[in-house]
Protein backbone atom coordinates (compact mmCIF):
# COMPACT_ATOMS: atom_id res chain seq x y z
CA UNK A 1 -17.78 -16.55 -23.44
CA UNK A 2 -17.67 -17.64 -27.45
CA UNK A 3 -18.18 -14.03 -27.93
CA UNK A 4 -15.56 -12.52 -26.16
CA UNK A 5 -13.27 -14.75 -27.81
CA UNK A 6 -14.19 -13.93 -31.31
CA UNK A 7 -14.10 -10.26 -30.24
CA UNK A 8 -10.35 -10.84 -28.96
CA UNK A 9 -9.64 -12.58 -31.73
CA UNK A 10 -11.27 -9.80 -34.58
CA UNK A 11 -8.74 -7.29 -32.35
CA UNK A 12 -5.99 -9.35 -32.75
CA UNK A 13 -6.44 -9.74 -36.39
CA UNK A 14 -6.68 -5.90 -36.68
CA UNK A 15 -3.56 -5.54 -34.67
CA UNK A 16 -1.60 -7.37 -36.87
CA UNK A 17 -3.20 -6.11 -39.92
CA UNK A 18 -2.17 -2.55 -38.91
CA UNK A 19 1.32 -3.98 -37.13
CA UNK A 20 2.49 -5.32 -40.59
CA UNK A 21 1.95 -1.77 -42.10
CA UNK A 22 1.91 0.70 -39.42
CA UNK A 23 3.13 2.02 -36.26
CA UNK A 24 5.99 0.64 -33.46
CA UNK A 25 3.24 0.88 -30.76
CA UNK A 26 1.12 -1.80 -32.88
CA UNK A 27 4.05 -3.84 -33.60
CA UNK A 28 5.02 -3.33 -29.78
CA UNK A 29 1.63 -4.55 -28.53
CA UNK A 30 1.63 -7.73 -30.66
CA UNK A 31 5.51 -8.30 -28.99
CA UNK A 32 3.96 -8.42 -25.57
CA UNK A 33 0.54 -10.13 -26.63
CA UNK A 34 2.76 -13.17 -27.70
CA UNK A 35 5.53 -12.76 -25.03
CA UNK A 36 2.57 -13.13 -22.41
CA UNK A 37 0.15 -15.17 -24.10
CA UNK A 38 -2.83 -12.21 -23.77
CA UNK A 39 -5.60 -12.42 -25.91
CA UNK A 40 -5.97 -15.47 -25.99
CA UNK A 41 -2.93 -15.95 -28.07
CA UNK A 42 -0.46 -18.66 -27.37
CA UNK A 43 2.89 -17.63 -25.54
CA UNK A 44 5.26 -17.70 -28.77
CA UNK A 45 8.78 -16.16 -28.62
CA UNK A 46 9.66 -16.54 -32.00
CA UNK A 47 6.61 -14.29 -32.58
CA UNK A 48 7.18 -11.87 -29.75
CA UNK A 49 10.65 -11.40 -30.94
CA UNK A 50 9.52 -10.70 -34.82
CA UNK A 51 7.37 -8.34 -33.37
CA UNK A 52 9.34 -6.45 -31.10
CA UNK A 53 12.22 -6.81 -34.08
CA UNK A 54 9.66 -4.73 -35.97
CA UNK A 55 8.96 -2.04 -33.17
CA UNK A 56 12.47 -1.38 -32.57
CA UNK A 57 13.29 -0.95 -36.28
CA UNK A 58 10.46 1.51 -36.41
CA UNK A 59 11.98 3.47 -33.73
CA UNK A 60 10.70 1.85 -30.12
CA UNK A 61 13.23 1.98 -27.81
CA UNK A 62 11.21 -0.31 -25.62
CA UNK A 63 10.76 -2.85 -28.42
CA UNK A 64 14.39 -3.11 -28.29
CA UNK A 65 14.62 -3.72 -24.88
CA UNK A 66 12.24 -6.61 -24.48
CA UNK A 67 13.58 -8.12 -27.62
CA UNK A 68 16.90 -8.48 -25.85
CA UNK A 69 14.87 -10.00 -22.92
CA UNK A 70 13.29 -12.74 -24.35
CA UNK A 71 15.95 -13.56 -26.80
CA UNK A 72 17.88 -14.74 -23.59
CA UNK A 73 15.39 -17.42 -23.30
CA UNK A 74 15.67 -18.23 -27.20
CA UNK A 75 17.87 -20.60 -28.90
CA UNK A 76 20.08 -18.89 -32.03
CA UNK A 77 17.68 -20.90 -34.15
CA UNK A 78 14.53 -19.49 -32.62
CA UNK A 79 16.22 -15.97 -32.83
CA UNK A 80 17.28 -16.59 -36.65
CA UNK A 81 13.79 -17.61 -37.60
CA UNK A 82 12.41 -14.74 -35.92
CA UNK A 83 14.59 -12.27 -37.41
CA UNK A 84 13.97 -13.84 -40.58
CA UNK A 85 10.13 -13.75 -40.52
CA UNK A 86 10.27 -10.19 -39.79
CA UNK A 87 12.47 -9.42 -43.03
CA UNK A 88 10.18 -11.21 -44.96
CA UNK A 89 7.54 -9.00 -43.47
CA UNK A 90 9.23 -6.15 -44.45
CA UNK A 91 10.03 -7.56 -47.79
CA UNK A 92 5.97 -8.15 -48.52
CA UNK A 93 5.47 -4.39 -47.72
CA UNK A 94 8.00 -3.08 -49.66
CA UNK A 95 6.78 -4.87 -52.59
CA UNK A 96 3.34 -3.95 -52.04
CA UNK A 97 4.43 -0.28 -51.82
CA UNK A 98 6.34 -0.43 -55.27
């Protein structure tokens, strides 16, 4: 049981690393994981919104749709925090590329 938890944790960490610098699909998958609590992740709508937002910015129509859907369940403060986190991740990526 502990072995499968470690495997799931490793897969999620690898996906987060790829998503931060990679594809809309990886971002979308993380949004789903945080919105549903899959992969031993806690349900976290701020994190889910952040990842759906990043997926949408990379061209994912599903990301746009899911971002809007979960935003209905969030406060304005939570949405603002998710957007702040997404901008911070983008800024970090741009700084490393420079």
